[in-house]
Amino acid sequence: MKTSLFKALFISFFSFAIGCKKNEKTEIVKKTTSEEVIQYASGLSIHKYTGYSVVKVTNPWPEANKDFTYVLKEEKGIVPDSLQKYTTVAVPLKSIVVTSTTNVPFLEMLGVENKLVGFPHTNYISSEKTRTLIDKGIIKNVGQNERLNMEKLIELSPELIVTFGVDNNNPMIKNLEKSGLKVMIQGDWMEQSPLGKAEWIKLYAALFGKEKEADVLFDNIVKEYNDALVSVKNKEAKATVLYGNMYQKQWFVAKGNSWVAQFLKDAKANYLWADVEGTGSLALTFEKVLEKAKMADIWIAAGTFKTLDELSASNPHYSQFNAFTKRNVYTFESKLGATGGTVYYELGPSRPDLVLKDFIKIFHPELLPDYKLTFAEKLK
C-alpha cells in the first residue's frame, strides 16, 4: 500500500461501577488495576467492567495533544453517568468500516471479516479472503481516507467507522459525526514495539466480543516472537545492514527507535543507523548514505523490485554498494495482492513473529533451516 508506508491507528481505559458515589470510587481503583487488558501497546488501553469496557487511545499521531476515550456498551450493560460524555458504541458490532489495510488481518484472525461493509481504496487490500468479499460486492469502496464518500457511508450506515489521523486537522471526521455516524480514532501505526502493534487486535476483539479468541491468538504470537528471540540470543550482530533507498532525491533510513530498527536489533543485525535517536525516518543524501554504507553486508531495500536489474534501473548509482555487487539485497515489499496491495504493509504489523523470523533467516540462515521467508524476497 504505497501511499500508506508509514501508517497505522488505536486506544486506553478507565471507569466505574454502578451504585452510590462512595462505592464508585472504590470500584475504579480496584478494577483499573486488575482488569487492564493491554500489555505491550503504548497508545491503547482497555479496561473491562461488568456490562461495558472503556477504551482509550493516546498518541494517535505525532505530537498529539489529545486522547480519545470510548465506551463499549454490552447489550444489558449500564454506563455510569460519569462516562456519558464519551462516544458510546453498542457491542458486539454487526457492521464496521475501517480505513487502513493493517486492520483487515485483525478482522480475519477473529473471523469477523464479513462484518466489514466498506473500505477506502479497496484495491489496496491484498488478502484473498477479504478480496472475495469485495468481488462479491459485500465490501464497498468508500472513497479515500481523507475524502470519504459521505453519501455511500450514510447509505451503508455502519455501526462504527474506525479511522486514523496524521494530525489534528481532519474535517472529514467532524462531518461524519455530524451525519450521525460513529467514528473511532485509532493509532496502531504510531506503535514502535512490534508486539505493541500486534496487540491492537484486542481492540477489535472488544468491538466484536471476541476477547477469548484474541487472547489465544496474541499469546501465540508473543510465544513465537519470544522463541525467535531465544534462537538468536547467543549470536553476535555481525552483519552490517543498509536500509531503504532513494525516494524523490532523498534516502530515508529508519531511525534507531523505530519499528524497523527494533526488528533489526532483535534479529541480531548491526544496523548502521541504530544510534540515531527517534522514531520514523531520517532523510539523507545519496552521498551521505554511500559514505557510511558502501561496504554494508546486506541491503534491505524498499519498493516492489523483483530483480537487481530493476533496482539499478531506478538508480544506476546503486551498483556502488557492496551489498548490490555481492547480490545480498532483499525487499519486503515485492509480494503483492491481486490488485496491487502490498502484503507486508497489510499483514506484517499483525504478525511480528513472522517478520522477525524473516530477518533472522536473512542474517542467521543456519538457525532456521526449514523456515521459508514469509514477506522478504532476495532480489535476483
Protein backbone atom coordinates (compact mmCIF):
# COMPACT_ATOMS: atom_id res chain seq x y z
CA MET A 1 0.00 0.00 0.00
CA LYS A 2 2.21 2.61 -1.47
CA THR A 3 0.59 5.69 0.00
CA SER A 4 0.40 4.12 3.38
CA LEU A 5 4.07 3.25 4.05
CA PHE A 6 4.03 4.80 7.40
CA LYS A 7 0.74 4.23 8.74
CA ALA A 8 -1.39 2.85 11.22
CA LEU A 9 -4.45 3.53 14.37
CA PHE A 10 -5.75 2.72 18.35
CA ILE A 11 -6.85 3.30 22.39
CA SER A 12 -6.85 3.06 26.59
CA PHE A 13 -9.25 2.60 29.55
CA PHE A 14 -10.64 3.79 32.99
CA SER A 15 -14.16 3.73 34.64
CA PHE A 16 -16.56 2.80 37.44
CA ALA A 17 -19.40 0.53 38.55
CA ILE A 18 -23.00 1.35 39.34
CA GLY A 19 -24.14 2.23 42.80
CA CYS A 20 -23.79 5.08 45.24
CA LYS A 21 -20.97 7.55 44.59
CA LYS A 22 -18.93 6.32 47.51
CA ASN A 23 -18.72 2.80 46.12
CA GLU A 24 -17.93 4.02 42.59
CA LYS A 25 -14.51 5.37 43.62
CA THR A 26 -13.59 2.12 45.34
CA GLU A 27 -14.58 0.20 42.22
CA ILE A 28 -12.45 2.40 39.93
CA VAL A 29 -9.24 1.69 41.80
CA LYS A 30 -10.00 -1.98 42.17
CA LYS A 31 -10.94 -2.69 38.56
CA THR A 32 -8.44 -0.39 36.86
CA THR A 33 -5.55 -2.25 38.46
CA SER A 34 -6.93 -5.75 37.89
CA GLU A 35 -8.62 -5.65 34.51
CA GLU A 36 -6.27 -3.74 32.19
CA VAL A 37 -6.26 -5.81 29.01
CA ILE A 38 -3.24 -4.28 27.23
CA GLN A 39 0.37 -5.25 28.00
CA TYR A 40 2.57 -4.08 25.10
CA ALA A 41 0.80 -1.31 23.16
CA SER A 42 1.67 2.16 24.41
CA GLY A 43 -1.16 4.02 22.68
CA LEU A 44 -4.07 1.76 23.64
CA SER A 45 -5.66 0.70 26.90
CA ILE A 46 -8.80 -1.30 27.53
CA HIS A 47 -10.44 -1.69 30.94
CA LYS A 48 -13.28 -4.19 31.26
CA TYR A 49 -16.18 -3.79 33.67
CA THR A 50 -19.44 -5.62 34.14
CA GLY A 51 -21.54 -4.75 31.10
CA TYR A 52 -19.13 -2.34 29.43
CA SER A 53 -15.50 -1.54 28.64
CA VAL A 54 -13.60 1.74 28.43
CA VAL A 55 -11.13 2.20 25.60
CA LYS A 56 -8.61 5.00 25.50
CA VAL A 57 -6.39 5.93 22.56
CA THR A 58 -3.36 8.06 23.27
CA ASN A 59 -0.73 9.42 20.89
CA PRO A 60 -2.82 8.75 17.76
CA TRP A 61 -0.47 10.89 15.62
CA PRO A 62 2.90 12.61 16.04
CA GLU A 63 2.91 15.20 18.85
CA ALA A 64 -0.78 14.64 19.50
CA ASN A 65 -2.02 16.76 22.41
CA LYS A 66 -5.31 14.95 22.94
CA ASP A 67 -6.58 11.49 23.86
CA PHE A 68 -9.73 9.75 22.71
CA THR A 69 -11.95 7.77 25.07
CA TYR A 70 -14.75 5.42 24.03
CA VAL A 71 -17.23 3.32 25.97
CA LEU A 72 -18.15 -0.10 24.57
CA LYS A 73 -21.57 -0.99 25.96
CA GLU A 74 -22.82 -4.56 26.02
CA GLU A 75 -26.50 -5.33 25.44
CA LYS A 76 -27.62 -5.13 29.09
CA GLY A 77 -24.76 -3.01 30.35
CA ILE A 78 -25.34 0.19 32.30
CA VAL A 79 -22.86 3.01 31.66
CA PRO A 80 -22.15 5.27 34.67
CA ASP A 81 -23.21 8.91 34.38
CA SER A 82 -19.57 9.96 34.58
CA LEU A 83 -18.87 8.26 31.25
CA GLN A 84 -21.90 9.55 29.34
CA LYS A 85 -19.81 12.37 27.78
CA TYR A 86 -17.79 9.89 25.75
CA THR A 87 -18.82 8.23 22.50
CA THR A 88 -20.68 5.04 23.37
CA VAL A 89 -20.61 2.10 20.97
CA ALA A 90 -23.01 -0.82 21.29
CA VAL A 91 -21.12 -4.13 21.11
CA PRO A 92 -20.75 -6.64 19.64
CA LEU A 93 -20.80 -4.78 16.33
CA LYS A 94 -22.80 -6.06 13.40
CA SER A 95 -21.09 -3.83 10.81
CA ILE A 96 -17.91 -1.78 10.56
CA VAL A 97 -15.86 0.36 8.17
CA VAL A 98 -12.08 0.53 8.63
CA THR A 99 -9.67 2.71 6.67
CA SER A 100 -6.27 1.02 6.96
CA THR A 101 -5.24 -2.32 5.49
CA THR A 102 -3.46 -3.10 8.78
CA ASN A 103 -6.92 -3.61 10.32
CA VAL A 104 -8.02 -6.26 7.82
CA PRO A 105 -5.87 -9.11 9.25
CA PHE A 106 -7.29 -8.45 12.72
CA LEU A 107 -10.81 -8.90 11.38
CA GLU A 108 -9.84 -12.07 9.55
CA MET A 109 -7.96 -13.54 12.51
CA LEU A 110 -11.09 -13.06 14.62
CA GLY A 111 -13.36 -14.46 11.91
CA VAL A 112 -15.41 -11.27 11.51
CA GLU A 113 -14.26 -10.07 8.08
CA ASN A 114 -17.86 -10.48 6.88
CA LYS A 115 -18.81 -7.60 9.21
CA LEU A 116 -16.69 -5.23 7.11
CA VAL A 117 -19.06 -3.31 4.83
CA GLY A 118 -16.80 -0.57 3.47
CA PHE A 119 -13.17 0.36 2.88
CA PRO A 120 -11.44 3.23 1.04
CA HIS A 121 -9.33 2.22 -1.95
CA THR A 122 -10.36 -1.44 -1.88
CA ASN A 123 -7.61 -2.25 -4.40
CA TYR A 124 -5.09 -1.81 -1.60
CA ILE A 125 -6.40 -4.91 0.19
CA SER A 126 -4.26 -7.93 -0.67
CA SER A 127 -5.91 -10.70 1.40
CA GLU A 128 -7.61 -13.27 -0.83
CA LYS A 129 -10.34 -13.90 1.75
CA THR A 130 -11.36 -10.25 2.00
CA ARG A 131 -10.87 -9.68 -1.73
CA THR A 132 -13.52 -12.36 -2.32
CA LEU A 133 -15.97 -10.30 -0.27
CA ILE A 134 -15.02 -7.19 -2.28
CA ASP A 135 -15.54 -9.03 -5.58
CA LYS A 136 -18.97 -10.17 -4.39
CA GLY A 137 -19.93 -6.56 -3.61
CA ILE A 138 -20.26 -7.24 0.13
CA ILE A 139 -17.50 -4.73 0.91
CA LYS A 140 -17.99 -1.39 -0.85
CA ASN A 141 -15.38 1.15 -1.92
CA VAL A 142 -15.99 4.28 0.17
CA GLY A 143 -13.54 6.72 -1.40
CA GLN A 144 -10.26 7.83 0.17
CA ASN A 145 -9.32 8.06 3.83
CA GLU A 146 -9.25 11.87 3.92
CA ARG A 147 -12.08 12.25 1.38
CA LEU A 148 -14.51 9.50 2.27
CA ASN A 149 -17.69 9.17 0.23
CA MET A 150 -20.22 10.58 2.69
CA GLU A 151 -23.26 9.52 0.68
CA LYS A 152 -22.02 5.94 0.42
CA LEU A 153 -21.27 5.78 4.15
CA ILE A 154 -24.69 7.13 5.07
CA GLU A 155 -26.24 4.55 2.75
CA LEU A 156 -24.20 1.72 4.33
CA SER A 157 -24.87 3.06 7.83
CA PRO A 158 -22.09 1.11 9.57
CA GLU A 159 -22.34 0.86 13.34
CA LEU A 160 -18.77 2.18 13.59
CA ILE A 161 -16.12 3.76 11.36
CA VAL A 162 -12.57 3.17 12.59
CA THR A 163 -10.14 5.63 11.06
CA PHE A 164 -6.84 7.37 11.80
CA GLY A 165 -5.37 10.83 11.59
CA VAL A 166 -1.93 12.17 10.71
CA ASP A 167 -2.62 15.37 12.65
CA ASN A 168 -5.44 17.22 14.41
CA ASN A 169 -6.77 18.68 11.16
CA ASN A 170 -9.28 16.23 9.71
CA PRO A 171 -12.64 17.90 8.99
CA MET A 172 -13.92 14.65 7.47
CA ILE A 173 -14.24 13.13 10.94
CA LYS A 174 -16.42 16.00 12.14
CA ASN A 175 -18.56 15.76 9.02
CA LEU A 176 -19.09 12.04 9.61
CA GLU A 177 -20.14 12.65 13.19
CA LYS A 178 -22.49 15.46 12.14
CA SER A 179 -24.14 12.96 9.80
CA GLY A 180 -24.90 10.72 12.77
CA LEU A 181 -22.15 8.19 12.11
CA LYS A 182 -19.99 6.96 14.98
CA VAL A 183 -16.25 7.36 14.49
CA MET A 184 -13.34 5.88 16.42
CA ILE A 185 -9.76 7.14 16.07
CA GLN A 186 -7.04 4.55 16.37
CA GLY A 187 -3.24 4.82 16.37
CA ASP A 188 -1.69 1.41 15.73
CA TRP A 189 0.63 2.96 13.16
CA MET A 190 2.29 5.02 15.89
CA GLU A 191 3.39 1.97 17.87
CA GLN A 192 7.13 1.28 17.67
CA SER A 193 7.08 -2.01 19.57
CA PRO A 194 6.45 -4.95 17.19
CA LEU A 195 4.30 -6.72 19.78
CA GLY A 196 2.64 -3.40 20.63
CA LYS A 197 1.36 -3.05 17.05
CA ALA A 198 0.06 -6.61 17.00
CA GLU A 199 -1.77 -6.16 20.32
CA TRP A 200 -4.27 -3.80 18.67
CA ILE A 201 -6.14 -6.99 17.74
CA LYS A 202 -7.60 -6.68 21.23
CA LEU A 203 -9.43 -3.51 20.24
CA TYR A 204 -11.28 -5.42 17.51
CA ALA A 205 -11.83 -8.29 19.90
CA ALA A 206 -13.57 -5.88 22.30
CA LEU A 207 -15.67 -4.46 19.45
CA PHE A 208 -16.87 -7.89 18.34
CA GLY A 209 -16.99 -9.81 21.62
CA LYS A 210 -14.02 -11.98 20.65
CA GLU A 211 -11.75 -11.37 23.64
CA LYS A 212 -11.01 -15.02 24.37
CA GLU A 213 -10.14 -15.74 20.76
CA ALA A 214 -7.84 -12.69 20.62
CA ASP A 215 -6.04 -13.73 23.80
CA VAL A 216 -5.23 -17.14 22.31
CA LEU A 217 -4.10 -15.63 19.01
CA PHE A 218 -1.98 -12.89 20.55
CA ASP A 219 -0.44 -15.14 23.20
CA ASN A 220 0.71 -17.45 20.41
CA ILE A 221 2.27 -14.52 18.51
CA VAL A 222 4.10 -13.46 21.68
CA LYS A 223 5.33 -17.01 22.22
CA GLU A 224 6.56 -17.34 18.64
CA TYR A 225 8.27 -13.95 18.83
CA ASN A 226 9.98 -14.78 22.11
CA ASP A 227 11.03 -18.20 20.84
CA ALA A 228 12.65 -16.47 17.86
CA LEU A 229 14.46 -14.13 20.23
CA VAL A 230 15.81 -17.10 22.16
CA SER A 231 17.12 -18.65 18.94
CA VAL A 232 19.44 -15.66 18.34
CA LYS A 233 20.22 -14.99 22.00
CA ASN A 234 23.84 -16.13 21.73
CA LYS A 235 24.51 -14.72 18.27
CA GLU A 236 26.65 -11.65 17.61
CA ALA A 237 25.32 -8.82 15.45
CA LYS A 238 27.97 -9.14 12.77
CA ALA A 239 26.17 -8.41 9.50
CA THR A 240 26.13 -4.66 8.77
CA VAL A 241 22.82 -3.51 7.33
CA LEU A 242 21.81 -0.77 4.91
CA TYR A 243 18.12 0.11 4.88
CA GLY A 244 15.87 1.90 2.35
CA ASN A 245 16.69 3.61 -0.95
CA MET A 246 16.22 6.89 -2.81
CA TYR A 247 12.80 8.49 -2.95
CA GLN A 248 12.37 11.87 -4.63
CA LYS A 249 16.07 12.75 -4.33
CA GLN A 250 16.34 11.70 -0.68
CA TRP A 251 17.22 8.47 1.06
CA PHE A 252 15.02 7.67 4.06
CA VAL A 253 16.60 5.43 6.70
CA ALA A 254 14.74 4.14 9.74
CA LYS A 255 15.73 5.88 12.98
CA GLY A 256 17.12 3.88 15.88
CA ASN A 257 13.93 3.73 17.96
CA SER A 258 11.64 2.84 15.09
CA TRP A 259 9.64 -0.32 14.46
CA VAL A 260 12.05 -1.44 11.73
CA ALA A 261 15.15 -0.76 13.83
CA GLN A 262 13.69 -2.85 16.67
CA PHE A 263 13.31 -5.83 14.35
CA LEU A 264 16.92 -5.45 13.16
CA LYS A 265 18.12 -5.26 16.75
CA ASP A 266 16.06 -8.28 17.82
CA ALA A 267 17.32 -10.27 14.82
CA LYS A 268 20.91 -9.52 15.90
CA ALA A 269 21.92 -7.38 12.94
CA ASN A 270 24.36 -4.46 13.03
CA TYR A 271 22.09 -1.72 11.71
CA LEU A 272 24.22 1.25 10.65
CA TRP A 273 21.76 3.90 11.86
CA ALA A 274 20.82 2.21 15.15
CA ASP A 275 22.35 5.11 17.11
CA VAL A 276 20.06 7.76 15.54
CA GLU A 277 17.59 8.86 18.20
CA GLY A 278 13.90 8.95 17.44
CA THR A 279 11.22 7.05 15.56
CA GLY A 280 10.17 7.35 11.94
CA SER A 281 12.79 8.02 9.30
CA LEU A 282 15.80 10.24 8.65
CA ALA A 283 16.23 11.89 5.23
CA LEU A 284 19.78 11.76 3.85
CA THR A 285 21.55 12.48 0.58
CA PHE A 286 22.82 9.61 -1.54
CA GLU A 287 26.38 10.70 -0.84
CA LYS A 288 25.90 10.51 2.93
CA VAL A 289 24.44 7.01 2.69
CA LEU A 290 27.17 5.81 0.34
CA GLU A 291 29.83 7.18 2.65
CA LYS A 292 28.51 5.19 5.59
CA ALA A 293 27.06 2.08 3.97
CA LYS A 294 29.18 1.42 0.87
CA MET A 295 30.59 -1.75 2.46
CA ALA A 296 27.40 -2.90 4.23
CA ASP A 297 26.92 -6.67 4.06
CA ILE A 298 23.17 -6.71 3.48
CA TRP A 299 20.76 -4.19 2.00
CA ILE A 300 17.07 -4.15 2.93
CA ALA A 301 15.59 -2.09 0.09
CA ALA A 302 12.15 -0.52 -0.21
CA GLY A 303 9.93 -0.97 -3.24
CA THR A 304 8.40 -3.73 -5.34
CA PHE A 305 11.59 -4.61 -7.23
CA LYS A 306 11.99 -8.26 -8.15
CA THR A 307 15.49 -8.16 -9.63
CA LEU A 308 18.75 -6.28 -9.20
CA ASP A 309 18.37 -5.03 -12.76
CA GLU A 310 15.05 -3.40 -11.86
CA LEU A 311 16.63 -1.83 -8.80
CA SER A 312 19.62 -0.44 -10.70
CA ALA A 313 17.34 0.84 -13.47
CA SER A 314 15.74 3.12 -10.89
CA ASN A 315 19.17 4.49 -9.97
CA PRO A 316 22.41 3.29 -11.64
CA HIS A 317 24.47 4.50 -8.66
CA TYR A 318 23.09 1.64 -6.53
CA SER A 319 25.72 -0.64 -8.07
CA GLN A 320 28.34 1.17 -5.95
CA PHE A 321 27.16 -0.64 -2.82
CA ASN A 322 28.94 -3.81 -1.76
CA ALA A 323 25.62 -5.48 -0.92
CA PHE A 324 24.49 -4.91 -4.51
CA THR A 325 27.62 -6.35 -6.12
CA LYS A 326 27.56 -9.31 -3.72
CA ARG A 327 23.85 -9.82 -4.53
CA ASN A 328 22.73 -9.50 -0.93
CA VAL A 329 19.71 -7.26 -1.47
CA TYR A 330 16.26 -8.04 -0.04
CA THR A 331 12.90 -6.32 -0.10
CA PHE A 332 9.78 -6.91 2.00
CA GLU A 333 7.51 -5.10 -0.47
CA SER A 334 7.57 -7.17 -3.64
CA LYS A 335 4.76 -9.58 -2.72
CA LEU A 336 1.50 -8.06 -3.92
CA GLY A 337 -2.16 -8.94 -3.84
CA ALA A 338 -4.26 -9.44 -6.97
CA THR A 339 -4.99 -5.71 -7.28
CA GLY A 340 -1.60 -4.37 -6.19
CA GLY A 341 -1.89 -4.22 -2.40
CA THR A 342 1.38 -4.82 -0.53
CA VAL A 343 1.16 -7.97 1.61
CA TYR A 344 3.85 -6.81 4.06
CA TYR A 345 2.20 -3.50 4.89
CA GLU A 346 -1.13 -5.23 5.40
CA LEU A 347 -0.13 -8.34 7.33
CA GLY A 348 3.30 -7.50 8.79
CA PRO A 349 2.11 -5.32 11.70
CA SER A 350 -0.22 -8.06 12.97
CA ARG A 351 2.36 -10.85 12.59
CA PRO A 352 5.63 -9.51 14.01
CA ASP A 353 6.71 -13.07 14.78
CA LEU A 354 6.86 -13.80 11.05
CA VAL A 355 8.63 -10.52 10.28
CA LEU A 356 11.27 -11.30 12.92
CA LYS A 357 11.77 -14.81 11.55
CA ASP A 358 12.27 -13.35 8.08
CA PHE A 359 15.03 -11.09 9.39
CA ILE A 360 16.66 -13.92 11.33
CA LYS A 361 16.55 -16.09 8.20
CA ILE A 362 18.35 -13.31 6.30
CA PHE A 363 21.03 -12.59 8.92
CA HIS A 364 21.43 -16.05 10.51
CA PRO A 365 20.03 -18.58 8.00
CA GLU A 366 21.55 -21.54 9.80
CA LEU A 367 19.21 -21.01 12.75
CA LEU A 368 16.02 -21.55 10.71
CA PRO A 369 16.99 -24.14 8.10
CA ASP A 370 13.41 -25.23 7.37
CA TYR A 371 11.78 -21.80 7.52
CA LYS A 372 10.72 -20.16 4.26
CA LEU A 373 10.57 -16.37 4.02
CA THR A 374 7.04 -15.03 4.52
CA PHE A 375 7.40 -11.43 3.36
CA ALA A 376 11.00 -10.87 2.27
CA GLU A 377 12.40 -11.80 -1.11
CA LYS A 378 16.01 -11.75 -2.28
CA LEU A 379 16.48 -9.78 -5.47
CA LYS A 380 17.78 -11.98 -8.28
